[in-house]
N, C-alpha and C. Protein backbone atom coordinates (compact mmCIF):
# COMPACT_ATOMS: atom_id res chain seq x y z
N MET A 1 101.84 232.49 315.81
CA MET A 1 102.87 231.93 316.63
C MET A 1 102.53 232.28 318.07
N SER A 2 102.50 231.30 318.91
CA SER A 2 102.12 231.50 320.31
C SER A 2 103.37 231.58 321.18
N HIS A 3 103.35 232.53 322.11
CA HIS A 3 104.46 232.70 323.04
C HIS A 3 103.91 232.54 324.45
N PRO A 4 104.51 231.69 325.26
CA PRO A 4 104.01 231.50 326.61
C PRO A 4 104.19 232.77 327.44
N ALA A 5 103.24 232.98 328.32
CA ALA A 5 103.36 234.12 329.24
C ALA A 5 104.53 233.89 330.16
N PRO A 6 105.32 234.93 330.45
CA PRO A 6 106.47 234.75 331.32
C PRO A 6 106.04 234.42 332.74
N GLN A 7 106.87 233.65 333.40
CA GLN A 7 106.62 233.32 334.80
C GLN A 7 107.09 234.49 335.67
N PRO A 8 106.38 234.79 336.74
CA PRO A 8 106.77 235.93 337.57
C PRO A 8 108.21 235.86 338.07
N SER A 9 108.74 234.66 338.32
CA SER A 9 110.10 234.55 338.83
C SER A 9 111.14 234.92 337.78
N GLU A 10 110.77 234.94 336.50
CA GLU A 10 111.70 235.27 335.42
C GLU A 10 111.82 236.76 335.20
N SER A 11 110.89 237.55 335.69
CA SER A 11 110.86 238.97 335.36
C SER A 11 111.66 239.80 336.35
N LEU A 12 112.12 240.93 335.84
CA LEU A 12 112.83 241.89 336.68
C LEU A 12 111.83 242.70 337.49
N SER A 13 112.22 243.05 338.67
CA SER A 13 111.40 243.91 339.51
C SER A 13 111.45 245.34 338.97
N PRO A 14 110.32 246.03 338.92
CA PRO A 14 110.34 247.44 338.52
C PRO A 14 111.27 248.26 339.42
N PHE A 15 111.41 247.86 340.67
CA PHE A 15 112.31 248.57 341.59
C PHE A 15 113.76 248.47 341.10
N VAL A 16 114.19 247.28 340.66
CA VAL A 16 115.55 247.10 340.14
C VAL A 16 115.75 247.98 338.90
N ILE A 17 114.76 248.02 338.04
CA ILE A 17 114.84 248.85 336.83
C ILE A 17 114.92 250.32 337.21
N LEU A 18 114.12 250.74 338.18
CA LEU A 18 114.14 252.13 338.63
C LEU A 18 115.51 252.50 339.21
N VAL A 19 116.09 251.62 340.01
CA VAL A 19 117.42 251.88 340.58
C VAL A 19 118.47 251.98 339.48
N PHE A 20 118.44 251.05 338.52
CA PHE A 20 119.40 251.06 337.41
C PHE A 20 119.35 252.39 336.65
N TYR A 21 118.15 252.79 336.23
CA TYR A 21 118.03 254.03 335.47
C TYR A 21 118.22 255.27 336.34
N GLY A 22 117.92 255.16 337.61
CA GLY A 22 118.20 256.26 338.53
C GLY A 22 119.69 256.51 338.64
N ILE A 23 120.47 255.44 338.76
CA ILE A 23 121.93 255.57 338.81
C ILE A 23 122.45 256.13 337.48
N MET A 24 121.87 255.68 336.37
CA MET A 24 122.25 256.21 335.07
C MET A 24 121.99 257.71 334.99
N ALA A 25 120.82 258.15 335.45
CA ALA A 25 120.47 259.57 335.40
C ALA A 25 121.39 260.39 336.30
N LEU A 26 121.66 259.89 337.50
CA LEU A 26 122.55 260.62 338.41
C LEU A 26 123.97 260.72 337.83
N GLY A 27 124.45 259.63 337.23
CA GLY A 27 125.76 259.66 336.59
C GLY A 27 125.81 260.67 335.45
N ALA A 28 124.75 260.71 334.64
CA ALA A 28 124.68 261.66 333.53
C ALA A 28 124.64 263.09 334.05
N TRP A 29 123.84 263.31 335.07
CA TRP A 29 123.75 264.65 335.67
C TRP A 29 125.11 265.09 336.20
N TYR A 30 125.80 264.18 336.87
CA TYR A 30 127.13 264.49 337.40
C TYR A 30 128.10 264.78 336.25
N TRP A 31 128.09 263.94 335.21
CA TRP A 31 128.96 264.12 334.04
C TRP A 31 128.71 265.48 333.38
N ALA A 32 127.45 265.87 333.30
CA ALA A 32 127.10 267.13 332.65
C ALA A 32 127.37 268.35 333.53
N GLY A 33 127.85 268.13 334.73
CA GLY A 33 128.22 269.26 335.58
C GLY A 33 127.32 269.51 336.76
N GLY A 34 126.25 268.75 336.89
CA GLY A 34 125.36 268.94 338.03
C GLY A 34 124.88 270.36 338.13
N PHE A 35 124.95 270.91 339.33
CA PHE A 35 124.53 272.29 339.56
C PHE A 35 125.60 273.30 339.13
N ALA A 36 126.83 272.84 338.94
CA ALA A 36 127.94 273.76 338.69
C ALA A 36 127.97 274.31 337.27
N ASP A 37 127.31 273.67 336.32
CA ASP A 37 127.43 274.06 334.93
C ASP A 37 126.05 274.26 334.32
N SER A 38 125.75 275.47 333.94
CA SER A 38 124.42 275.75 333.38
C SER A 38 124.27 275.22 331.96
N SER A 39 125.36 274.77 331.32
CA SER A 39 125.25 274.24 329.96
C SER A 39 124.95 272.74 329.94
N GLY A 40 124.67 272.16 331.08
CA GLY A 40 124.44 270.72 331.18
C GLY A 40 123.07 270.31 330.68
N ILE A 41 122.49 269.31 331.29
CA ILE A 41 121.24 268.70 330.88
C ILE A 41 120.08 269.66 331.13
N SER A 42 119.24 269.81 330.11
CA SER A 42 118.10 270.70 330.25
C SER A 42 116.83 270.06 329.72
N PHE A 43 115.80 270.07 330.57
CA PHE A 43 114.47 269.68 330.13
C PHE A 43 113.67 270.92 329.77
N GLN A 44 114.25 272.09 330.02
CA GLN A 44 113.53 273.34 329.82
C GLN A 44 113.50 273.74 328.35
N THR A 45 112.41 274.37 327.99
CA THR A 45 112.27 274.95 326.67
C THR A 45 111.43 276.22 326.85
N SER A 46 111.55 277.13 325.94
CA SER A 46 110.78 278.37 326.08
C SER A 46 109.29 278.07 326.00
N THR A 47 108.52 278.94 326.60
CA THR A 47 107.07 278.77 326.60
C THR A 47 106.53 278.73 325.18
N SER A 48 107.10 279.54 324.30
CA SER A 48 106.62 279.56 322.92
C SER A 48 106.99 278.27 322.17
N GLN A 49 108.08 277.61 322.57
CA GLN A 49 108.48 276.37 321.90
C GLN A 49 107.93 275.12 322.56
N LEU A 50 107.31 275.25 323.74
CA LEU A 50 106.81 274.08 324.45
C LEU A 50 105.80 273.27 323.63
N PRO A 51 104.79 273.90 323.03
CA PRO A 51 103.85 273.09 322.23
C PRO A 51 104.56 272.35 321.09
N TRP A 52 105.55 273.00 320.45
CA TRP A 52 106.29 272.35 319.37
C TRP A 52 107.08 271.16 319.91
N ALA A 53 107.74 271.33 321.06
CA ALA A 53 108.53 270.24 321.65
C ALA A 53 107.62 269.07 322.02
N LEU A 54 106.45 269.36 322.56
CA LEU A 54 105.50 268.29 322.91
C LEU A 54 105.03 267.56 321.66
N ALA A 55 104.65 268.32 320.64
CA ALA A 55 104.16 267.71 319.39
C ALA A 55 105.27 266.93 318.70
N GLU A 56 106.46 267.50 318.67
CA GLU A 56 107.60 266.84 318.02
C GLU A 56 107.93 265.53 318.73
N GLY A 57 108.00 265.56 320.05
CA GLY A 57 108.35 264.37 320.81
C GLY A 57 107.31 263.27 320.71
N ILE A 58 106.07 263.61 320.98
CA ILE A 58 105.00 262.61 320.94
C ILE A 58 104.76 262.14 319.50
N GLY A 59 104.80 263.07 318.55
CA GLY A 59 104.61 262.71 317.15
C GLY A 59 105.68 261.74 316.65
N PHE A 60 106.94 262.03 316.94
CA PHE A 60 108.02 261.13 316.54
C PHE A 60 107.84 259.77 317.21
N GLY A 61 107.47 259.77 318.48
CA GLY A 61 107.22 258.51 319.19
C GLY A 61 106.15 257.68 318.51
N LEU A 62 105.07 258.31 318.10
CA LEU A 62 103.98 257.59 317.44
C LEU A 62 104.38 257.06 316.07
N VAL A 63 105.20 257.80 315.34
CA VAL A 63 105.71 257.32 314.05
C VAL A 63 106.56 256.07 314.27
N ILE A 64 107.39 256.09 315.28
CA ILE A 64 108.23 254.93 315.59
C ILE A 64 107.36 253.74 316.01
N ILE A 65 106.30 253.99 316.77
CA ILE A 65 105.39 252.92 317.18
C ILE A 65 104.77 252.25 315.94
N GLY A 66 104.34 253.05 314.99
CA GLY A 66 103.79 252.50 313.75
C GLY A 66 104.82 251.67 313.00
N SER A 67 106.05 252.17 312.96
CA SER A 67 107.14 251.43 312.31
C SER A 67 107.43 250.13 313.03
N THR A 68 107.38 250.16 314.36
CA THR A 68 107.64 248.97 315.15
C THR A 68 106.65 247.87 314.81
N SER A 69 105.39 248.22 314.69
CA SER A 69 104.36 247.24 314.36
C SER A 69 104.66 246.55 313.04
N ILE A 70 105.05 247.33 312.05
CA ILE A 70 105.37 246.77 310.73
C ILE A 70 106.63 245.91 310.80
N LEU A 71 107.67 246.43 311.46
CA LEU A 71 108.94 245.71 311.53
C LEU A 71 108.83 244.39 312.30
N LEU A 72 108.04 244.37 313.35
CA LEU A 72 107.90 243.14 314.13
C LEU A 72 107.26 242.03 313.30
N LYS A 73 106.36 242.41 312.42
CA LYS A 73 105.71 241.40 311.58
C LYS A 73 106.63 240.89 310.48
N ARG A 74 107.65 241.67 310.12
CA ARG A 74 108.50 241.32 308.98
C ARG A 74 109.91 240.88 309.36
N ASN A 75 110.31 241.06 310.61
CA ASN A 75 111.70 240.81 310.97
C ASN A 75 111.79 239.84 312.14
N LEU A 76 112.26 238.64 311.86
CA LEU A 76 112.38 237.60 312.89
C LEU A 76 113.32 238.02 314.02
N ALA A 77 114.42 238.68 313.69
CA ALA A 77 115.38 239.10 314.72
C ALA A 77 114.74 240.06 315.72
N LEU A 78 113.93 241.00 315.23
CA LEU A 78 113.24 241.92 316.15
C LEU A 78 112.17 241.21 316.96
N ARG A 79 111.51 240.21 316.36
CA ARG A 79 110.51 239.44 317.12
C ARG A 79 111.19 238.71 318.28
N ARG A 80 112.37 238.17 318.03
CA ARG A 80 113.10 237.49 319.12
C ARG A 80 113.42 238.46 320.25
N VAL A 81 113.83 239.66 319.90
CA VAL A 81 114.10 240.68 320.92
C VAL A 81 112.83 240.97 321.71
N ALA A 82 111.71 241.11 321.02
CA ALA A 82 110.43 241.40 321.68
C ALA A 82 110.07 240.30 322.66
N VAL A 83 110.26 239.06 322.26
CA VAL A 83 109.96 237.93 323.14
C VAL A 83 110.87 237.97 324.37
N ASP A 84 112.15 238.24 324.16
CA ASP A 84 113.08 238.33 325.29
C ASP A 84 112.72 239.46 326.25
N ILE A 85 112.35 240.61 325.70
CA ILE A 85 111.97 241.74 326.56
C ILE A 85 110.69 241.40 327.32
N ARG A 86 109.77 240.73 326.64
CA ARG A 86 108.53 240.32 327.31
C ARG A 86 108.83 239.42 328.50
N GLN A 87 109.73 238.49 328.32
CA GLN A 87 110.09 237.60 329.43
C GLN A 87 110.81 238.35 330.54
N LEU A 88 111.63 239.31 330.18
CA LEU A 88 112.35 240.10 331.17
C LEU A 88 111.40 240.98 331.98
N ILE A 89 110.45 241.60 331.30
CA ILE A 89 109.50 242.50 331.96
C ILE A 89 108.46 241.71 332.75
N GLY A 90 107.98 240.61 332.21
CA GLY A 90 106.97 239.81 332.89
C GLY A 90 105.59 240.42 332.78
N ASN A 91 104.67 239.93 333.57
CA ASN A 91 103.29 240.42 333.56
C ASN A 91 103.14 241.60 334.51
N GLN A 92 103.54 242.75 334.05
CA GLN A 92 103.48 243.96 334.86
C GLN A 92 102.15 244.68 334.61
N GLY A 93 101.72 245.39 335.62
CA GLY A 93 100.52 246.21 335.50
C GLY A 93 100.85 247.58 334.92
N ILE A 94 99.84 248.39 334.75
CA ILE A 94 99.98 249.71 334.12
C ILE A 94 100.91 250.63 334.92
N PHE A 95 100.85 250.56 336.25
CA PHE A 95 101.73 251.40 337.07
C PHE A 95 103.19 251.03 336.85
N ALA A 96 103.49 249.73 336.87
CA ALA A 96 104.88 249.28 336.68
C ALA A 96 105.37 249.62 335.28
N ILE A 97 104.53 249.44 334.27
CA ILE A 97 104.93 249.78 332.89
C ILE A 97 105.21 251.28 332.78
N THR A 98 104.36 252.09 333.39
CA THR A 98 104.57 253.54 333.36
C THR A 98 105.89 253.90 334.04
N LEU A 99 106.15 253.29 335.18
CA LEU A 99 107.39 253.53 335.92
C LEU A 99 108.61 253.12 335.09
N ILE A 100 108.56 251.94 334.48
CA ILE A 100 109.66 251.45 333.65
C ILE A 100 109.89 252.36 332.45
N ALA A 101 108.81 252.75 331.77
CA ALA A 101 108.94 253.62 330.60
C ALA A 101 109.48 254.99 330.99
N ALA A 102 109.01 255.54 332.10
CA ALA A 102 109.50 256.85 332.54
C ALA A 102 110.97 256.78 332.96
N ALA A 103 111.32 255.78 333.76
CA ALA A 103 112.70 255.67 334.24
C ALA A 103 113.66 255.45 333.08
N SER A 104 113.31 254.57 332.14
CA SER A 104 114.23 254.29 331.03
C SER A 104 114.36 255.50 330.10
N SER A 105 113.27 256.19 329.83
CA SER A 105 113.35 257.34 328.93
C SER A 105 114.12 258.50 329.57
N VAL A 106 113.87 258.79 330.83
CA VAL A 106 114.59 259.88 331.50
C VAL A 106 116.07 259.52 331.66
N GLY A 107 116.35 258.31 332.17
CA GLY A 107 117.74 257.90 332.38
C GLY A 107 118.54 257.90 331.09
N GLU A 108 118.01 257.28 330.04
CA GLU A 108 118.75 257.18 328.78
C GLU A 108 118.89 258.54 328.10
N GLU A 109 117.85 259.36 328.14
CA GLU A 109 117.97 260.68 327.49
C GLU A 109 118.91 261.61 328.25
N MET A 110 118.91 261.52 329.57
CA MET A 110 119.88 262.32 330.33
C MET A 110 121.30 261.89 329.98
N LEU A 111 121.52 260.58 329.85
CA LEU A 111 122.86 260.09 329.54
C LEU A 111 123.24 260.40 328.08
N PHE A 112 122.43 259.91 327.14
CA PHE A 112 122.83 259.99 325.74
C PHE A 112 122.69 261.38 325.14
N ARG A 113 121.53 262.00 325.25
CA ARG A 113 121.35 263.31 324.64
C ARG A 113 121.79 264.43 325.58
N GLY A 114 121.56 264.30 326.89
CA GLY A 114 121.90 265.37 327.81
C GLY A 114 123.38 265.49 328.09
N ALA A 115 124.03 264.40 328.46
CA ALA A 115 125.46 264.46 328.82
C ALA A 115 126.36 264.10 327.64
N MET A 116 126.13 262.93 327.03
CA MET A 116 127.05 262.43 326.01
C MET A 116 127.04 263.27 324.74
N GLN A 117 125.85 263.58 324.23
CA GLN A 117 125.78 264.38 323.00
C GLN A 117 126.37 265.76 323.23
N ASN A 118 126.17 266.30 324.41
CA ASN A 118 126.73 267.61 324.75
C ASN A 118 128.26 267.54 324.80
N ALA A 119 128.81 266.43 325.30
CA ALA A 119 130.27 266.30 325.46
C ALA A 119 130.96 265.79 324.21
N TRP A 120 130.37 264.80 323.52
CA TRP A 120 131.06 264.11 322.43
C TRP A 120 130.50 264.42 321.05
N GLY A 121 129.34 265.03 320.99
CA GLY A 121 128.75 265.37 319.71
C GLY A 121 127.67 264.40 319.27
N PHE A 122 126.98 264.79 318.21
CA PHE A 122 125.83 264.07 317.70
C PHE A 122 126.19 262.68 317.16
N GLY A 123 127.13 262.59 316.23
CA GLY A 123 127.46 261.33 315.58
C GLY A 123 127.91 260.23 316.52
N PRO A 124 128.93 260.49 317.35
CA PRO A 124 129.36 259.43 318.27
C PRO A 124 128.25 258.96 319.21
N THR A 125 127.42 259.89 319.64
CA THR A 125 126.34 259.52 320.56
C THR A 125 125.33 258.60 319.89
N VAL A 126 124.97 258.87 318.66
CA VAL A 126 124.02 258.02 317.93
C VAL A 126 124.59 256.61 317.77
N VAL A 127 125.86 256.52 317.43
CA VAL A 127 126.49 255.21 317.25
C VAL A 127 126.52 254.45 318.57
N ILE A 128 126.92 255.11 319.63
CA ILE A 128 127.00 254.46 320.95
C ILE A 128 125.61 254.04 321.42
N PHE A 129 124.60 254.86 321.17
CA PHE A 129 123.22 254.52 321.53
C PHE A 129 122.79 253.24 320.81
N GLY A 130 123.11 253.12 319.53
CA GLY A 130 122.79 251.91 318.78
C GLY A 130 123.51 250.70 319.34
N PHE A 131 124.82 250.83 319.59
CA PHE A 131 125.60 249.72 320.15
C PHE A 131 125.12 249.34 321.54
N ALA A 132 124.68 250.30 322.32
CA ALA A 132 124.20 250.00 323.67
C ALA A 132 122.95 249.12 323.65
N HIS A 133 122.22 249.15 322.56
CA HIS A 133 121.00 248.35 322.44
C HIS A 133 121.21 247.02 321.72
N GLY A 134 122.32 246.86 321.04
CA GLY A 134 122.58 245.59 320.36
C GLY A 134 123.82 245.64 319.51
N LEU A 135 124.77 244.80 319.82
CA LEU A 135 126.03 244.76 319.08
C LEU A 135 125.91 243.88 317.85
N PRO A 136 126.62 244.23 316.77
CA PRO A 136 126.65 243.35 315.60
C PRO A 136 127.17 241.96 316.01
N GLY A 137 126.59 240.95 315.42
CA GLY A 137 127.02 239.59 315.71
C GLY A 137 126.38 238.98 316.95
N THR A 138 125.53 239.74 317.63
CA THR A 138 124.83 239.21 318.79
C THR A 138 123.36 238.99 318.44
N ARG A 139 122.66 238.39 319.36
CA ARG A 139 121.23 238.13 319.17
C ARG A 139 120.43 239.42 318.98
N TYR A 140 120.96 240.54 319.47
CA TYR A 140 120.22 241.81 319.47
C TYR A 140 120.70 242.79 318.40
N TRP A 141 121.38 242.32 317.38
CA TRP A 141 121.89 243.21 316.34
C TRP A 141 120.78 244.04 315.69
N ALA A 142 119.62 243.45 315.46
CA ALA A 142 118.52 244.18 314.80
C ALA A 142 118.00 245.30 315.69
N TRP A 143 117.98 245.06 317.00
CA TRP A 143 117.56 246.10 317.93
C TRP A 143 118.57 247.24 317.93
N GLY A 144 119.85 246.91 317.78
CA GLY A 144 120.88 247.93 317.70
C GLY A 144 120.70 248.83 316.49
N ILE A 145 120.37 248.23 315.35
CA ILE A 145 120.13 249.03 314.13
C ILE A 145 118.89 249.90 314.32
N PHE A 146 117.83 249.31 314.86
CA PHE A 146 116.61 250.07 315.13
C PHE A 146 116.90 251.23 316.08
N ALA A 147 117.67 250.97 317.15
CA ALA A 147 118.01 252.02 318.11
C ALA A 147 118.88 253.09 317.47
N PHE A 148 119.75 252.71 316.56
CA PHE A 148 120.56 253.69 315.83
C PHE A 148 119.67 254.67 315.08
N VAL A 149 118.69 254.14 314.36
CA VAL A 149 117.77 254.99 313.59
C VAL A 149 116.95 255.88 314.53
N VAL A 150 116.43 255.29 315.60
CA VAL A 150 115.67 256.08 316.57
C VAL A 150 116.57 257.13 317.20
N GLY A 151 117.82 256.75 317.52
CA GLY A 151 118.77 257.69 318.11
C GLY A 151 119.05 258.88 317.21
N LEU A 152 119.05 258.67 315.89
CA LEU A 152 119.20 259.80 314.96
C LEU A 152 118.10 260.83 315.20
N GLY A 153 116.86 260.34 315.27
CA GLY A 153 115.72 261.24 315.48
C GLY A 153 115.77 261.93 316.85
N LEU A 154 116.10 261.16 317.88
CA LEU A 154 116.16 261.74 319.23
C LEU A 154 117.26 262.80 319.33
N GLY A 155 118.40 262.51 318.71
CA GLY A 155 119.50 263.47 318.72
C GLY A 155 119.16 264.73 317.95
N LEU A 156 118.52 264.57 316.80
CA LEU A 156 118.13 265.74 316.00
C LEU A 156 117.10 266.59 316.74
N MET A 157 116.17 265.95 317.44
CA MET A 157 115.20 266.72 318.23
C MET A 157 115.90 267.54 319.30
N THR A 158 116.91 266.95 319.93
CA THR A 158 117.64 267.66 320.97
C THR A 158 118.39 268.84 320.37
N LEU A 159 119.02 268.64 319.22
CA LEU A 159 119.70 269.75 318.55
C LEU A 159 118.70 270.85 318.15
N HIS A 160 117.55 270.43 317.65
CA HIS A 160 116.54 271.38 317.17
C HIS A 160 115.94 272.22 318.30
N THR A 161 115.64 271.57 319.42
CA THR A 161 114.95 272.27 320.51
C THR A 161 115.90 272.83 321.56
N GLY A 162 117.15 272.34 321.62
CA GLY A 162 118.08 272.78 322.65
C GLY A 162 117.76 272.21 324.02
N SER A 163 116.93 271.20 324.05
CA SER A 163 116.47 270.58 325.30
C SER A 163 116.27 269.08 325.05
N ILE A 164 116.32 268.30 326.13
CA ILE A 164 116.04 266.87 325.97
C ILE A 164 114.57 266.55 326.21
N LEU A 165 113.74 267.55 326.38
CA LEU A 165 112.31 267.32 326.65
C LEU A 165 111.63 266.55 325.51
N ALA A 166 111.76 267.01 324.27
CA ALA A 166 111.09 266.34 323.14
C ALA A 166 111.61 264.91 322.99
N ALA A 167 112.93 264.72 323.09
CA ALA A 167 113.49 263.38 322.96
C ALA A 167 113.01 262.47 324.08
N THR A 168 112.91 263.00 325.29
CA THR A 168 112.44 262.20 326.42
C THR A 168 110.98 261.82 326.25
N LEU A 169 110.16 262.74 325.77
CA LEU A 169 108.74 262.42 325.50
C LEU A 169 108.61 261.37 324.40
N ALA A 170 109.42 261.49 323.35
CA ALA A 170 109.38 260.49 322.28
C ALA A 170 109.79 259.12 322.82
N HIS A 171 110.87 259.09 323.58
CA HIS A 171 111.38 257.84 324.15
C HIS A 171 110.34 257.22 325.09
N PHE A 172 109.70 258.06 325.91
CA PHE A 172 108.65 257.56 326.81
C PHE A 172 107.49 256.98 326.01
N THR A 173 107.05 257.68 324.99
CA THR A 173 105.93 257.22 324.15
C THR A 173 106.25 255.86 323.55
N ILE A 174 107.44 255.72 322.99
CA ILE A 174 107.86 254.46 322.36
C ILE A 174 107.88 253.34 323.40
N ASN A 175 108.54 253.57 324.52
CA ASN A 175 108.67 252.53 325.54
C ASN A 175 107.32 252.18 326.17
N TYR A 176 106.54 253.19 326.48
CA TYR A 176 105.25 252.96 327.15
C TYR A 176 104.31 252.11 326.28
N ILE A 177 104.15 252.52 325.04
CA ILE A 177 103.22 251.79 324.17
C ILE A 177 103.76 250.40 323.84
N ASN A 178 105.05 250.32 323.51
CA ASN A 178 105.60 249.00 323.16
C ASN A 178 105.60 248.05 324.35
N LEU A 179 105.92 248.52 325.54
CA LEU A 179 105.89 247.64 326.72
C LEU A 179 104.47 247.19 327.02
N ASN A 180 103.50 248.08 326.88
CA ASN A 180 102.10 247.68 327.08
C ASN A 180 101.69 246.61 326.07
N ARG A 181 102.14 246.76 324.84
CA ARG A 181 101.84 245.75 323.82
C ARG A 181 102.46 244.40 324.20
N LEU A 182 103.69 244.45 324.66
CA LEU A 182 104.41 243.21 324.96
C LEU A 182 103.78 242.42 326.09
N VAL A 183 103.22 243.10 327.07
CA VAL A 183 102.64 242.37 328.20
C VAL A 183 101.16 242.08 328.01
N SER A 184 100.58 242.59 326.93
CA SER A 184 99.15 242.38 326.72
C SER A 184 98.87 240.96 326.23
N LYS A 185 97.64 240.56 326.37
CA LYS A 185 97.20 239.26 325.88
C LYS A 185 97.20 239.23 324.35
N ARG A 186 97.20 240.40 323.73
CA ARG A 186 97.20 240.49 322.27
C ARG A 186 98.62 240.49 321.70
N PHE A 187 99.59 240.13 322.50
CA PHE A 187 101.00 240.16 322.09
C PHE A 187 101.22 239.44 320.77
N ASP A 188 100.57 238.31 320.57
CA ASP A 188 100.78 237.52 319.36
C ASP A 188 100.42 238.29 318.09
N GLU A 189 99.55 239.30 318.20
CA GLU A 189 99.20 240.11 317.03
C GLU A 189 100.39 240.91 316.53
N PHE A 190 101.32 241.22 317.44
CA PHE A 190 102.44 242.08 317.08
C PHE A 190 103.67 241.30 316.67
N VAL A 191 103.68 240.01 316.91
CA VAL A 191 104.85 239.22 316.51
C VAL A 191 104.46 238.10 315.63
């Protein structure tokens, strides 16, 4: 199945994406107490746990990437989402993809795992994370279910490590590799 390359005028500017996720991160930081509350958002982990957090985050991200490849080939609803994201992102270079993946992973993890999970708990945060990516009855329902499952893993990593570092690395790995796939000339192999 062939998908036309997106036109540059159809794609979002990486700057707009950076501003959106920057505002999200600042809002999450403020919600979590900013400088006033030491129990807020933490990327820190002990030196002895750092290798585990890195392995856990990147490893989980790679498992999800493998799952994504299989699911895209078998699920029409997810393929539609991939095509839509490809059109939204456009033909971005490696710098823009890196910026988008970093901004989205930091912004979303600060909000969902750093502020929301800390304030509302694990279960509600996972559900809201899934709904934020796709509501039932909409074109993106399959992405919402996928995000719910991924959110379970990201939330558990945060509970396990006491930091959002592993979850942020996993989220970055997933977004970085998947966005690179979507803008590549080999995109048709994945859908």
